[in-house]
Amino acid sequence: MHQPRHSWSPAIVFTLVAASVLASIGCSEDSPTQSSPLVTCSRWDTLGIGEEYDVPPRPRHMVPAVVNGSPRDLPFEGTANVLLAVGRSGFPCHATIQSSTTVEILENAAIHAALQWEFDPAERDGVPVPCWVVIPFRFSIRDG
């Protein structure tokens, strides 16, 4: 099978495609799903983190996942869904891959980026509470 030839610059940059993350925060009482770009959840509680809330967390600072390198061993595209624990302060305190269609190096880039995000924390009765969010990082190649 013939593959198309690409002209690659020295650095190939994999970037996060995060369209409408701010506008599509959803809430799930059971577990994270892949149906919305950012899903908050209050009962997916393996670290003792995650309380019920009436105001979901809102991203206030988002960091893209970026990897510089050769495309030879990396896929052209894929998604890594990061499960992120957000503390009462609005800062992440734990991240792991919930599901992925890409390779480990891109998963690690997604985790590294997610841990740098900042949120207005979830609230219950006006008091900040910890919670979980799922952030999908969609990777695609572009000449950099």
N, C-alpha and C. Protein backbone atom coordinates (compact mmCIF):
# COMPACT_ATOMS: atom_id res chain seq x y z
N MET A 1 0.84 -1.17 0.00
CA MET A 1 0.00 0.00 0.00
C MET A 1 0.88 1.24 0.00
N HIS A 2 0.60 2.15 -0.89
CA HIS A 2 1.39 3.36 -1.02
C HIS A 2 0.88 4.42 -0.04
N GLN A 3 1.80 4.96 0.76
CA GLN A 3 1.43 6.03 1.68
C GLN A 3 1.82 7.37 1.08
N PRO A 4 1.00 8.39 1.31
CA PRO A 4 1.34 9.71 0.77
C PRO A 4 2.60 10.26 1.43
N ARG A 5 3.36 11.01 0.66
CA ARG A 5 4.59 11.63 1.18
C ARG A 5 4.23 12.98 1.78
N HIS A 6 4.88 13.26 2.91
CA HIS A 6 4.66 14.53 3.60
C HIS A 6 5.98 15.25 3.73
N SER A 7 5.92 16.54 3.68
CA SER A 7 7.09 17.35 3.94
C SER A 7 7.03 17.79 5.39
N TRP A 8 7.92 17.24 6.23
CA TRP A 8 7.90 17.52 7.66
C TRP A 8 8.95 18.55 8.01
N SER A 9 8.59 19.48 8.82
CA SER A 9 9.57 20.40 9.38
C SER A 9 10.29 19.69 10.52
N PRO A 10 11.40 20.25 11.04
CA PRO A 10 12.14 19.58 12.10
C PRO A 10 11.30 19.21 13.31
N ALA A 11 10.33 20.00 13.65
CA ALA A 11 9.50 19.68 14.81
C ALA A 11 8.06 19.48 14.35
N ILE A 12 7.51 18.35 14.69
CA ILE A 12 6.10 18.10 14.44
C ILE A 12 5.38 18.40 15.74
N VAL A 13 4.38 19.21 15.67
CA VAL A 13 3.69 19.63 16.88
C VAL A 13 2.31 18.99 16.92
N PHE A 14 2.08 18.24 17.98
CA PHE A 14 0.76 17.66 18.21
C PHE A 14 0.01 18.64 19.11
N THR A 15 -1.16 19.01 18.70
CA THR A 15 -1.86 20.03 19.47
C THR A 15 -3.22 19.56 19.93
N LEU A 16 -3.64 20.11 21.01
CA LEU A 16 -4.96 19.86 21.55
C LEU A 16 -5.99 20.59 20.72
N VAL A 17 -7.03 19.88 20.34
CA VAL A 17 -8.15 20.50 19.68
C VAL A 17 -9.26 20.57 20.72
N ALA A 18 -9.48 21.75 21.27
CA ALA A 18 -10.41 21.88 22.39
C ALA A 18 -11.55 22.83 22.05
N ALA A 19 -12.23 22.57 20.97
CA ALA A 19 -13.33 23.44 20.60
C ALA A 19 -14.48 23.25 21.56
N SER A 20 -15.02 24.31 22.01
CA SER A 20 -16.23 24.38 22.84
C SER A 20 -16.14 23.66 24.17
N VAL A 21 -14.93 23.51 24.73
CA VAL A 21 -14.81 22.88 26.04
C VAL A 21 -15.54 23.71 27.09
N LEU A 22 -15.36 25.02 27.06
CA LEU A 22 -16.00 25.87 28.06
C LEU A 22 -17.51 25.82 27.97
N ALA A 23 -18.03 25.69 26.76
CA ALA A 23 -19.47 25.74 26.60
C ALA A 23 -20.15 24.40 26.83
N SER A 24 -19.40 23.32 26.97
CA SER A 24 -20.05 22.02 27.02
C SER A 24 -19.67 21.21 28.24
N ILE A 25 -19.65 21.85 29.38
CA ILE A 25 -19.42 21.11 30.62
C ILE A 25 -20.72 20.40 30.96
N GLY A 26 -20.62 19.12 31.24
CA GLY A 26 -21.78 18.34 31.60
C GLY A 26 -21.64 17.78 32.99
N CYS A 27 -22.69 17.18 33.50
CA CYS A 27 -22.65 16.62 34.84
C CYS A 27 -23.15 15.20 34.79
N SER A 28 -22.47 14.31 35.44
CA SER A 28 -22.88 12.92 35.53
C SER A 28 -22.81 12.48 36.98
N GLU A 29 -23.83 11.83 37.45
CA GLU A 29 -23.83 11.37 38.83
C GLU A 29 -23.19 9.99 38.97
N ASP A 30 -22.96 9.29 37.89
CA ASP A 30 -22.43 7.94 37.99
C ASP A 30 -20.95 7.87 37.68
N SER A 31 -20.61 7.95 36.42
CA SER A 31 -19.21 7.85 36.03
C SER A 31 -18.99 8.67 34.78
N PRO A 32 -17.72 8.97 34.48
CA PRO A 32 -17.44 9.74 33.27
C PRO A 32 -17.91 9.01 32.02
N THR A 33 -18.38 9.76 31.05
CA THR A 33 -18.76 9.18 29.77
C THR A 33 -18.00 9.91 28.68
N GLN A 34 -18.07 9.38 27.49
CA GLN A 34 -17.39 10.02 26.38
C GLN A 34 -18.35 10.86 25.55
N SER A 35 -19.56 11.12 26.07
CA SER A 35 -20.56 11.80 25.26
C SER A 35 -20.38 13.31 25.21
N SER A 36 -19.71 13.90 26.17
CA SER A 36 -19.51 15.35 26.13
C SER A 36 -18.03 15.67 26.32
N PRO A 37 -17.56 16.79 25.79
CA PRO A 37 -16.14 17.10 25.83
C PRO A 37 -15.56 17.22 27.23
N LEU A 38 -16.33 17.69 28.19
CA LEU A 38 -15.81 17.77 29.55
C LEU A 38 -16.92 17.33 30.48
N VAL A 39 -16.72 16.21 31.16
CA VAL A 39 -17.76 15.64 31.99
C VAL A 39 -17.31 15.68 33.43
N THR A 40 -18.11 16.27 34.30
CA THR A 40 -17.79 16.26 35.72
C THR A 40 -18.54 15.11 36.36
N CYS A 41 -17.99 14.59 37.41
CA CYS A 41 -18.63 13.46 38.05
C CYS A 41 -18.37 13.50 39.54
N SER A 42 -19.34 13.08 40.31
CA SER A 42 -19.21 13.20 41.75
C SER A 42 -19.07 11.86 42.45
N ARG A 43 -19.26 10.76 41.77
CA ARG A 43 -19.18 9.46 42.45
C ARG A 43 -18.10 8.55 41.91
N TRP A 44 -17.27 9.03 41.06
CA TRP A 44 -16.16 8.22 40.54
C TRP A 44 -15.01 8.46 41.47
N ASP A 45 -15.03 7.82 42.64
CA ASP A 45 -14.28 8.29 43.79
C ASP A 45 -13.28 7.25 44.28
N THR A 46 -12.18 7.06 43.57
CA THR A 46 -11.19 6.08 44.00
C THR A 46 -10.14 6.66 44.92
N LEU A 47 -10.05 7.97 45.03
CA LEU A 47 -9.05 8.60 45.90
C LEU A 47 -9.68 9.37 47.05
N GLY A 48 -10.96 9.16 47.29
CA GLY A 48 -11.63 9.94 48.32
C GLY A 48 -11.90 11.36 47.87
N ILE A 49 -11.87 11.59 46.57
CA ILE A 49 -12.09 12.92 46.01
C ILE A 49 -13.39 12.88 45.23
N GLY A 50 -14.18 13.88 45.40
CA GLY A 50 -15.39 13.97 44.60
C GLY A 50 -16.62 14.04 45.48
N GLU A 51 -17.21 15.19 45.55
CA GLU A 51 -18.41 15.39 46.32
C GLU A 51 -19.51 15.88 45.40
N GLU A 52 -20.75 15.76 45.88
CA GLU A 52 -21.86 16.30 45.09
C GLU A 52 -21.79 17.82 45.13
N TYR A 53 -22.28 18.44 44.08
CA TYR A 53 -22.21 19.89 43.97
C TYR A 53 -23.40 20.42 43.20
N ASP A 54 -23.66 21.73 43.35
CA ASP A 54 -24.70 22.35 42.55
C ASP A 54 -24.14 23.28 41.48
N VAL A 55 -22.88 23.64 41.57
CA VAL A 55 -22.22 24.45 40.54
C VAL A 55 -21.02 23.66 40.02
N PRO A 56 -21.01 23.29 38.74
CA PRO A 56 -19.88 22.51 38.21
C PRO A 56 -18.61 23.35 38.11
N PRO A 57 -17.45 22.71 38.05
CA PRO A 57 -16.21 23.45 37.86
C PRO A 57 -16.17 24.07 36.46
N ARG A 58 -15.49 25.21 36.33
CA ARG A 58 -15.35 25.87 35.04
C ARG A 58 -13.87 26.09 34.77
N PRO A 59 -13.37 25.65 33.62
CA PRO A 59 -11.96 25.90 33.30
C PRO A 59 -11.70 27.40 33.20
N ARG A 60 -10.64 27.89 33.84
CA ARG A 60 -10.26 29.30 33.71
C ARG A 60 -8.91 29.45 33.04
N HIS A 61 -8.13 28.36 33.00
CA HIS A 61 -6.83 28.38 32.31
C HIS A 61 -6.61 26.98 31.73
N MET A 62 -6.53 26.90 30.40
CA MET A 62 -6.34 25.61 29.73
C MET A 62 -4.98 25.61 29.05
N VAL A 63 -4.28 24.50 29.17
CA VAL A 63 -2.95 24.34 28.57
C VAL A 63 -3.04 23.25 27.50
N PRO A 64 -2.60 23.50 26.27
CA PRO A 64 -2.63 22.47 25.24
C PRO A 64 -1.55 21.42 25.45
N ALA A 65 -1.83 20.22 24.99
CA ALA A 65 -0.83 19.15 25.01
C ALA A 65 0.04 19.31 23.78
N VAL A 66 1.34 19.38 23.97
CA VAL A 66 2.27 19.60 22.87
C VAL A 66 3.41 18.59 22.95
N VAL A 67 3.73 17.97 21.82
CA VAL A 67 4.86 17.04 21.73
C VAL A 67 5.69 17.43 20.52
N ASN A 68 6.97 17.64 20.70
CA ASN A 68 7.87 17.90 19.58
C ASN A 68 8.62 16.61 19.26
N GLY A 69 8.75 16.29 17.99
CA GLY A 69 9.49 15.10 17.64
C GLY A 69 9.18 14.62 16.23
N SER A 70 9.64 13.42 15.94
CA SER A 70 9.47 12.81 14.63
C SER A 70 8.13 12.08 14.56
N PRO A 71 7.45 12.15 13.43
CA PRO A 71 6.16 11.47 13.31
C PRO A 71 6.29 9.97 13.04
N ARG A 72 7.49 9.45 12.85
CA ARG A 72 7.65 8.06 12.43
C ARG A 72 6.95 7.06 13.32
N ASP A 73 7.06 7.23 14.63
CA ASP A 73 6.48 6.26 15.55
C ASP A 73 5.19 6.74 16.21
N LEU A 74 4.67 7.87 15.76
CA LEU A 74 3.49 8.43 16.39
C LEU A 74 2.33 8.41 15.41
N PRO A 75 1.11 8.23 15.92
CA PRO A 75 -0.05 8.23 15.03
C PRO A 75 -0.34 9.63 14.52
N PHE A 76 -1.05 9.71 13.40
CA PHE A 76 -1.40 11.02 12.87
C PHE A 76 -2.47 11.69 13.70
N GLU A 77 -3.30 10.92 14.36
CA GLU A 77 -4.35 11.49 15.19
C GLU A 77 -4.78 10.49 16.24
N GLY A 78 -5.51 10.95 17.20
CA GLY A 78 -6.01 10.10 18.27
C GLY A 78 -6.51 10.96 19.41
N THR A 79 -7.15 10.32 20.35
CA THR A 79 -7.70 11.03 21.50
C THR A 79 -7.27 10.35 22.79
N ALA A 80 -6.88 11.15 23.76
CA ALA A 80 -6.57 10.67 25.11
C ALA A 80 -7.52 11.38 26.07
N ASN A 81 -8.38 10.62 26.75
CA ASN A 81 -9.30 11.19 27.72
C ASN A 81 -8.66 11.14 29.09
N VAL A 82 -8.39 12.31 29.67
CA VAL A 82 -7.72 12.41 30.96
C VAL A 82 -8.77 12.57 32.06
N LEU A 83 -8.71 11.68 33.05
CA LEU A 83 -9.55 11.78 34.24
C LEU A 83 -8.77 12.60 35.25
N LEU A 84 -9.30 13.75 35.63
CA LEU A 84 -8.57 14.73 36.43
C LEU A 84 -9.33 15.03 37.72
N ALA A 85 -8.65 14.88 38.85
CA ALA A 85 -9.22 15.27 40.14
C ALA A 85 -8.92 16.75 40.36
N VAL A 86 -9.96 17.52 40.62
CA VAL A 86 -9.81 18.96 40.85
C VAL A 86 -10.15 19.23 42.32
N GLY A 87 -9.21 19.84 43.03
CA GLY A 87 -9.41 20.11 44.45
C GLY A 87 -10.26 21.34 44.71
N ARG A 88 -10.51 21.58 45.99
CA ARG A 88 -11.31 22.74 46.41
C ARG A 88 -10.72 24.07 45.93
N SER A 89 -9.41 24.09 45.73
CA SER A 89 -8.73 25.32 45.28
C SER A 89 -8.92 25.57 43.79
N GLY A 90 -9.40 24.55 43.05
CA GLY A 90 -9.54 24.67 41.61
C GLY A 90 -8.33 24.15 40.85
N PHE A 91 -7.32 23.66 41.61
CA PHE A 91 -6.13 23.13 40.98
C PHE A 91 -6.19 21.60 40.94
N PRO A 92 -5.71 20.99 39.85
CA PRO A 92 -5.68 19.54 39.76
C PRO A 92 -4.75 18.92 40.81
N CYS A 93 -5.14 17.76 41.32
CA CYS A 93 -4.30 17.07 42.29
C CYS A 93 -3.99 15.64 41.87
N HIS A 94 -4.61 15.13 40.82
CA HIS A 94 -4.32 13.79 40.32
C HIS A 94 -4.86 13.68 38.89
N ALA A 95 -4.13 12.96 38.04
CA ALA A 95 -4.59 12.74 36.66
C ALA A 95 -4.19 11.35 36.21
N THR A 96 -5.05 10.74 35.43
CA THR A 96 -4.77 9.44 34.83
C THR A 96 -5.52 9.36 33.50
N ILE A 97 -5.15 8.41 32.68
CA ILE A 97 -5.85 8.21 31.41
C ILE A 97 -7.08 7.35 31.65
N GLN A 98 -8.23 7.87 31.27
CA GLN A 98 -9.47 7.10 31.38
C GLN A 98 -9.61 6.16 30.19
N SER A 99 -9.35 6.68 28.98
CA SER A 99 -9.38 5.88 27.76
C SER A 99 -8.55 6.60 26.71
N SER A 100 -8.11 5.83 25.70
CA SER A 100 -7.22 6.43 24.71
C SER A 100 -7.25 5.66 23.40
N THR A 101 -7.05 6.40 22.30
CA THR A 101 -6.89 5.78 20.99
C THR A 101 -5.53 6.17 20.41
N THR A 102 -4.59 6.51 21.27
CA THR A 102 -3.29 6.96 20.81
C THR A 102 -2.18 6.27 21.59
N VAL A 103 -0.97 6.72 21.45
CA VAL A 103 0.20 6.07 22.05
C VAL A 103 0.59 6.74 23.36
N GLU A 104 1.43 6.05 24.12
CA GLU A 104 1.79 6.49 25.47
C GLU A 104 2.42 7.88 25.51
N ILE A 105 3.26 8.21 24.54
CA ILE A 105 3.91 9.53 24.57
C ILE A 105 2.88 10.66 24.48
N LEU A 106 1.81 10.45 23.71
CA LEU A 106 0.76 11.46 23.62
C LEU A 106 -0.12 11.45 24.86
N GLU A 107 -0.36 10.27 25.42
CA GLU A 107 -1.10 10.19 26.68
C GLU A 107 -0.36 10.96 27.78
N ASN A 108 0.96 10.77 27.85
CA ASN A 108 1.76 11.49 28.85
C ASN A 108 1.70 13.00 28.64
N ALA A 109 1.72 13.42 27.37
CA ALA A 109 1.61 14.86 27.08
C ALA A 109 0.25 15.39 27.53
N ALA A 110 -0.80 14.60 27.34
CA ALA A 110 -2.14 15.01 27.76
C ALA A 110 -2.22 15.14 29.28
N ILE A 111 -1.66 14.17 30.00
CA ILE A 111 -1.65 14.23 31.47
C ILE A 111 -0.87 15.44 31.94
N HIS A 112 0.30 15.66 31.36
CA HIS A 112 1.14 16.80 31.74
C HIS A 112 0.39 18.12 31.53
N ALA A 113 -0.30 18.24 30.41
CA ALA A 113 -1.06 19.46 30.13
C ALA A 113 -2.24 19.61 31.10
N ALA A 114 -2.99 18.53 31.31
CA ALA A 114 -4.17 18.60 32.18
C ALA A 114 -3.81 19.03 33.60
N LEU A 115 -2.66 18.58 34.08
CA LEU A 115 -2.24 18.95 35.44
C LEU A 115 -1.90 20.44 35.56
N GLN A 116 -1.79 21.14 34.44
CA GLN A 116 -1.52 22.57 34.46
C GLN A 116 -2.78 23.43 34.31
N TRP A 117 -3.93 22.77 34.07
CA TRP A 117 -5.17 23.52 33.96
C TRP A 117 -5.53 24.11 35.31
N GLU A 118 -6.35 25.16 35.29
CA GLU A 118 -6.89 25.76 36.51
C GLU A 118 -8.40 25.91 36.32
N PHE A 119 -9.13 25.74 37.41
CA PHE A 119 -10.58 25.79 37.37
C PHE A 119 -11.13 26.74 38.42
N ASP A 120 -12.31 27.28 38.14
CA ASP A 120 -13.14 27.80 39.22
C ASP A 120 -13.75 26.54 39.81
N PRO A 121 -13.55 26.26 41.09
CA PRO A 121 -13.94 24.96 41.63
C PRO A 121 -15.44 24.72 41.62
N ALA A 122 -15.81 23.45 41.66
CA ALA A 122 -17.21 23.08 41.85
C ALA A 122 -17.64 23.60 43.22
N GLU A 123 -18.94 23.87 43.36
CA GLU A 123 -19.44 24.37 44.64
C GLU A 123 -20.70 23.63 45.05
N ARG A 124 -20.84 23.46 46.36
CA ARG A 124 -22.08 22.96 46.95
C ARG A 124 -22.48 23.95 48.03
N ASP A 125 -23.65 24.52 47.91
CA ASP A 125 -24.14 25.52 48.87
C ASP A 125 -23.15 26.68 49.02
N GLY A 126 -22.52 27.08 47.90
CA GLY A 126 -21.60 28.21 47.90
C GLY A 126 -20.21 27.90 48.43
N VAL A 127 -19.94 26.63 48.75
CA VAL A 127 -18.64 26.22 49.30
C VAL A 127 -17.92 25.37 48.26
N PRO A 128 -16.65 25.68 47.95
CA PRO A 128 -15.90 24.86 46.99
C PRO A 128 -15.76 23.41 47.45
N VAL A 129 -15.94 22.48 46.50
CA VAL A 129 -15.80 21.05 46.79
C VAL A 129 -14.93 20.41 45.71
N PRO A 130 -14.20 19.34 46.05
CA PRO A 130 -13.40 18.63 45.05
C PRO A 130 -14.31 17.81 44.13
N CYS A 131 -13.83 17.54 42.92
CA CYS A 131 -14.61 16.74 41.98
C CYS A 131 -13.68 16.15 40.93
N TRP A 132 -14.24 15.34 40.06
CA TRP A 132 -13.53 14.76 38.93
C TRP A 132 -14.02 15.41 37.65
N VAL A 133 -13.13 15.58 36.67
CA VAL A 133 -13.51 16.00 35.33
C VAL A 133 -12.80 15.09 34.33
N VAL A 134 -13.39 14.93 33.17
CA VAL A 134 -12.75 14.20 32.07
C VAL A 134 -12.49 15.20 30.96
N ILE A 135 -11.23 15.29 30.55
CA ILE A 135 -10.83 16.22 29.49
C ILE A 135 -10.32 15.42 28.30
N PRO A 136 -10.98 15.51 27.14
CA PRO A 136 -10.47 14.84 25.95
C PRO A 136 -9.42 15.70 25.25
N PHE A 137 -8.27 15.11 24.99
CA PHE A 137 -7.23 15.76 24.22
C PHE A 137 -7.20 15.07 22.86
N ARG A 138 -7.56 15.81 21.80
CA ARG A 138 -7.55 15.27 20.44
C ARG A 138 -6.28 15.73 19.76
N PHE A 139 -5.50 14.77 19.27
CA PHE A 139 -4.22 15.07 18.65
C PHE A 139 -4.31 14.96 17.14
N SER A 140 -3.65 15.92 16.45
CA SER A 140 -3.52 15.85 15.00
C SER A 140 -2.17 16.46 14.64
N ILE A 141 -1.65 16.09 13.49
CA ILE A 141 -0.34 16.58 13.06
C ILE A 141 -0.52 17.83 12.22
N ARG A 142 0.36 18.77 12.46
CA ARG A 142 0.46 19.94 11.57
C ARG A 142 1.94 20.27 11.46
N ASP A 143 2.33 20.83 10.33
CA ASP A 143 3.72 21.25 10.18
C ASP A 143 3.96 22.42 11.12
N GLY A 144 5.10 22.35 11.88
CA GLY A 144 5.36 23.40 12.86
C GLY A 144 6.53 24.25 12.51
